[in-house]
Amino acid sequence: MTTLSVTTWSLEQTSPTDLLAAAVPEGDVRVVRSEVPSPEFSRFLYASVGGDIRWTDRLGWTYARWLEHLDRPGVETWVAYDRGTPAGYVELEAQEDGVVEIVYFGLLPAFRGRRIGGHLLSYGTARAWDLADRRPGLKPTTRVWLHTCSKDGEHALDNYRRRGFTLFDTKVEEEPEVPTPGPWAGAHPA
């Protein structure tokens, strides 16, 4: 089996004032919370954003597993739309003691390089900081963190740093190289 050497960087913000917001892109770009847990929609976003950058850990999830995850208190999906078309998303997950993880963030390939990513990350990070305002019973956010890796887009790490995230850990591991089918088997663009 072929393996890949993968570097994973973990980054954090420890205060809402750490956030360095990106400019709002030109045009009709909106970010909207997906308020109804929808395994179909979330799987579409996950596979469409991650299909060409080797996101594979959720591809085997059943409908029930998706629904269980999405229906948990403190899990939110925020979707960027460009003229009504889904362009990307950010998934937040509340953890213990006021910590919120940006579990997934990214854009569909057709929307990359159009200045939507910085805006979506800024917006999603701000929503991580005010998550407890929307979710009674959660502790106020004291830390927002995420990880990215060398399999992600070439500009991912720089985007996180430009938004005010600071590096707190780096790991290098060998991982098996797994083919990614994209949004559905046989449909991944060449």
Protein backbone atom coordinates (compact mmCIF):
# COMPACT_ATOMS: atom_id res chain seq x y z
CA MET A 1 0.00 0.00 0.00
CA THR A 2 1.24 3.46 -0.90
CA THR A 3 1.57 6.00 1.90
CA LEU A 4 1.71 9.78 2.08
CA SER A 5 3.73 11.90 4.46
CA VAL A 6 1.15 14.30 5.90
CA THR A 7 1.93 17.37 7.99
CA THR A 8 -0.88 18.52 10.29
CA TRP A 9 -0.87 22.00 11.78
CA SER A 10 -3.11 22.89 14.75
CA LEU A 11 -3.99 26.56 15.19
CA GLU A 12 -6.02 28.55 17.68
CA GLN A 13 -7.47 31.85 18.75
CA THR A 14 -7.84 32.55 22.46
CA SER A 15 -9.82 35.79 22.26
CA PRO A 16 -12.44 37.20 19.89
CA THR A 17 -10.05 40.11 19.34
CA ASP A 18 -7.61 37.67 17.67
CA LEU A 19 -9.90 37.49 14.63
CA LEU A 20 -8.62 39.51 11.68
CA ALA A 21 -11.61 39.67 9.37
CA ALA A 22 -11.24 39.43 5.62
CA ALA A 23 -12.98 41.82 3.27
CA VAL A 24 -16.41 40.86 2.02
CA PRO A 25 -16.08 39.67 -1.58
CA GLU A 26 -17.80 41.56 -4.36
CA GLY A 27 -21.08 40.27 -5.73
CA ASP A 28 -23.94 38.42 -4.13
CA VAL A 29 -22.11 36.24 -1.56
CA ARG A 30 -24.06 35.34 1.55
CA VAL A 31 -23.34 33.08 4.51
CA VAL A 32 -26.35 31.33 6.01
CA ARG A 33 -26.70 28.82 8.84
CA SER A 34 -28.12 25.48 7.80
CA GLU A 35 -30.61 25.20 10.65
CA VAL A 36 -32.32 21.92 9.74
CA PRO A 37 -30.03 18.89 10.18
CA SER A 38 -29.80 17.41 6.67
CA PRO A 39 -27.50 14.42 6.15
CA GLU A 40 -27.96 14.67 2.37
CA PHE A 41 -26.90 18.32 2.24
CA SER A 42 -24.04 17.94 4.71
CA ARG A 43 -22.68 14.91 2.86
CA PHE A 44 -22.92 16.85 -0.41
CA LEU A 45 -20.88 19.71 1.09
CA TYR A 46 -18.33 17.37 2.66
CA ALA A 47 -17.78 15.30 -0.49
CA SER A 48 -17.88 18.26 -2.87
CA VAL A 49 -15.40 20.37 -0.90
CA GLY A 50 -13.13 17.51 0.11
CA GLY A 51 -13.32 15.27 -2.95
CA ASP A 52 -10.15 16.58 -4.56
CA ILE A 53 -8.18 17.07 -1.33
CA ARG A 54 -8.57 13.58 0.14
CA TRP A 55 -11.28 14.06 2.75
CA THR A 56 -12.30 10.44 3.37
CA ASP A 57 -13.08 9.96 7.07
CA ARG A 58 -16.84 10.61 6.71
CA LEU A 59 -17.46 8.99 3.32
CA GLY A 60 -18.52 5.73 4.97
CA TRP A 61 -20.95 7.34 7.40
CA THR A 62 -24.52 6.12 7.21
CA TYR A 63 -27.51 8.44 7.04
CA ALA A 64 -28.19 7.71 10.72
CA ARG A 65 -24.59 8.57 11.70
CA TRP A 66 -24.78 11.89 9.82
CA LEU A 67 -28.09 12.75 11.47
CA GLU A 68 -26.78 11.84 14.93
CA HIS A 69 -23.76 14.09 14.44
CA LEU A 70 -25.66 17.06 12.98
CA ASP A 71 -28.39 16.94 15.63
CA ARG A 72 -25.95 17.35 18.53
CA PRO A 73 -26.12 20.58 20.58
CA GLY A 74 -23.30 22.89 19.56
CA VAL A 75 -22.84 21.56 16.02
CA GLU A 76 -23.52 24.19 13.37
CA THR A 77 -23.03 24.32 9.61
CA TRP A 78 -22.65 27.73 7.95
CA VAL A 79 -22.85 27.75 4.15
CA ALA A 80 -21.53 30.39 1.75
CA TYR A 81 -23.69 30.96 -1.30
CA ASP A 82 -22.58 32.77 -4.44
CA ARG A 83 -25.67 33.99 -6.28
CA GLY A 84 -27.74 31.23 -4.67
CA THR A 85 -25.30 28.40 -5.34
CA PRO A 86 -23.51 26.64 -2.45
CA ALA A 87 -19.86 27.72 -2.64
CA GLY A 88 -18.43 26.28 0.60
CA TYR A 89 -19.05 25.71 4.26
CA VAL A 90 -17.70 25.80 7.77
CA GLU A 91 -18.73 23.29 10.43
CA LEU A 92 -18.46 24.23 14.10
CA GLU A 93 -18.52 21.85 17.04
CA ALA A 94 -18.70 22.93 20.68
CA GLN A 95 -16.42 20.97 22.96
CA GLU A 96 -15.94 21.09 26.73
CA ASP A 97 -15.13 24.19 28.74
CA GLY A 98 -16.00 26.81 26.12
CA VAL A 99 -13.82 25.40 23.36
CA VAL A 100 -15.17 25.40 19.80
CA GLU A 101 -13.50 23.50 16.98
CA ILE A 102 -13.79 24.46 13.35
CA VAL A 103 -14.10 20.86 12.27
CA TYR A 104 -14.41 21.43 8.53
CA PHE A 105 -13.93 24.46 6.34
CA GLY A 106 -13.53 24.77 2.61
CA LEU A 107 -14.84 25.76 -0.79
CA LEU A 108 -16.06 23.75 -3.74
CA PRO A 109 -13.35 23.78 -6.43
CA ALA A 110 -15.25 26.14 -8.77
CA PHE A 111 -15.34 28.84 -6.06
CA ARG A 112 -11.70 28.76 -4.94
CA GLY A 113 -9.50 31.75 -5.71
CA ARG A 114 -12.41 34.21 -5.71
CA ARG A 115 -11.85 35.72 -2.24
CA ILE A 116 -14.81 33.85 -0.77
CA GLY A 117 -12.69 31.66 1.53
CA GLY A 118 -11.29 34.44 3.69
CA HIS A 119 -14.74 35.92 4.16
CA LEU A 120 -16.31 32.54 4.98
CA LEU A 121 -13.55 31.73 7.47
CA SER A 122 -13.94 35.16 9.11
CA TYR A 123 -17.69 34.74 9.35
CA GLY A 124 -17.46 31.17 10.64
CA THR A 125 -14.86 32.09 13.23
CA ALA A 126 -17.03 34.95 14.49
CA ARG A 127 -19.92 32.46 14.78
CA ALA A 128 -17.66 30.15 16.80
CA TRP A 129 -16.97 33.02 19.20
CA ASP A 130 -20.69 33.75 19.68
CA LEU A 131 -21.93 30.14 19.56
CA ALA A 132 -23.15 30.16 23.18
CA ASP A 133 -25.44 33.10 22.34
CA ARG A 134 -27.42 30.78 20.03
CA ARG A 135 -27.11 27.61 22.09
CA PRO A 136 -28.46 27.93 25.66
CA GLY A 137 -26.56 25.74 28.08
CA LEU A 138 -23.18 26.08 26.38
CA LYS A 139 -20.38 27.89 28.14
CA PRO A 140 -19.20 31.10 26.47
CA THR A 141 -16.43 30.44 23.97
CA THR A 142 -12.92 30.88 25.38
CA ARG A 143 -10.95 29.27 22.54
CA VAL A 144 -11.49 28.50 18.85
CA TRP A 145 -9.19 25.97 17.25
CA LEU A 146 -8.77 23.96 14.06
CA HIS A 147 -6.32 21.84 12.22
CA THR A 148 -5.27 21.79 8.59
CA CYS A 149 -2.87 19.54 6.79
CA SER A 150 -0.65 19.28 3.76
CA LYS A 151 -3.48 17.49 1.90
CA ASP A 152 -5.67 20.62 2.11
CA GLY A 153 -5.56 23.44 -0.42
CA GLU A 154 -2.24 25.17 -0.91
CA HIS A 155 -3.52 28.44 0.58
CA ALA A 156 -5.29 26.96 3.63
CA LEU A 157 -2.56 27.50 6.23
CA ASP A 158 -1.91 31.07 5.06
CA ASN A 159 -5.63 31.88 5.17
CA TYR A 160 -5.88 30.69 8.78
CA ARG A 161 -2.87 32.76 9.78
CA ARG A 162 -4.21 35.85 7.99
CA ARG A 163 -7.42 35.47 10.01
CA GLY A 164 -5.45 35.64 13.28
CA PHE A 165 -4.99 31.97 14.12
CA THR A 166 -1.67 31.05 15.71
CA LEU A 167 0.13 27.73 15.43
CA PHE A 168 0.31 25.60 18.58
CA ASP A 169 1.24 22.14 17.26
CA THR A 170 2.74 20.43 14.20
CA LYS A 171 2.79 16.68 13.52
CA VAL A 172 4.09 14.65 10.59
CA GLU A 173 2.67 11.16 10.05
CA GLU A 174 2.54 8.56 7.32
CA GLU A 175 -0.99 7.81 6.12
CA PRO A 176 -2.25 5.29 3.60
CA GLU A 177 -3.06 6.89 0.26
CA VAL A 178 -6.78 6.44 -0.26
CA PRO A 179 -8.53 7.26 -3.54
CA THR A 180 -11.28 9.86 -3.18
CA PRO A 181 -14.39 9.53 -5.32
CA GLY A 182 -15.53 13.16 -5.08
CA PRO A 183 -19.22 13.90 -4.50
CA TRP A 184 -20.23 10.42 -5.69
CA ALA A 185 -18.45 7.42 -7.13
CA GLY A 186 -17.38 7.87 -10.74
CA ALA A 187 -18.10 11.60 -10.86
CA HIS A 188 -14.81 13.06 -9.59
CA PRO A 189 -13.43 15.53 -12.14
CA ALA A 190 -10.21 14.48 -13.84
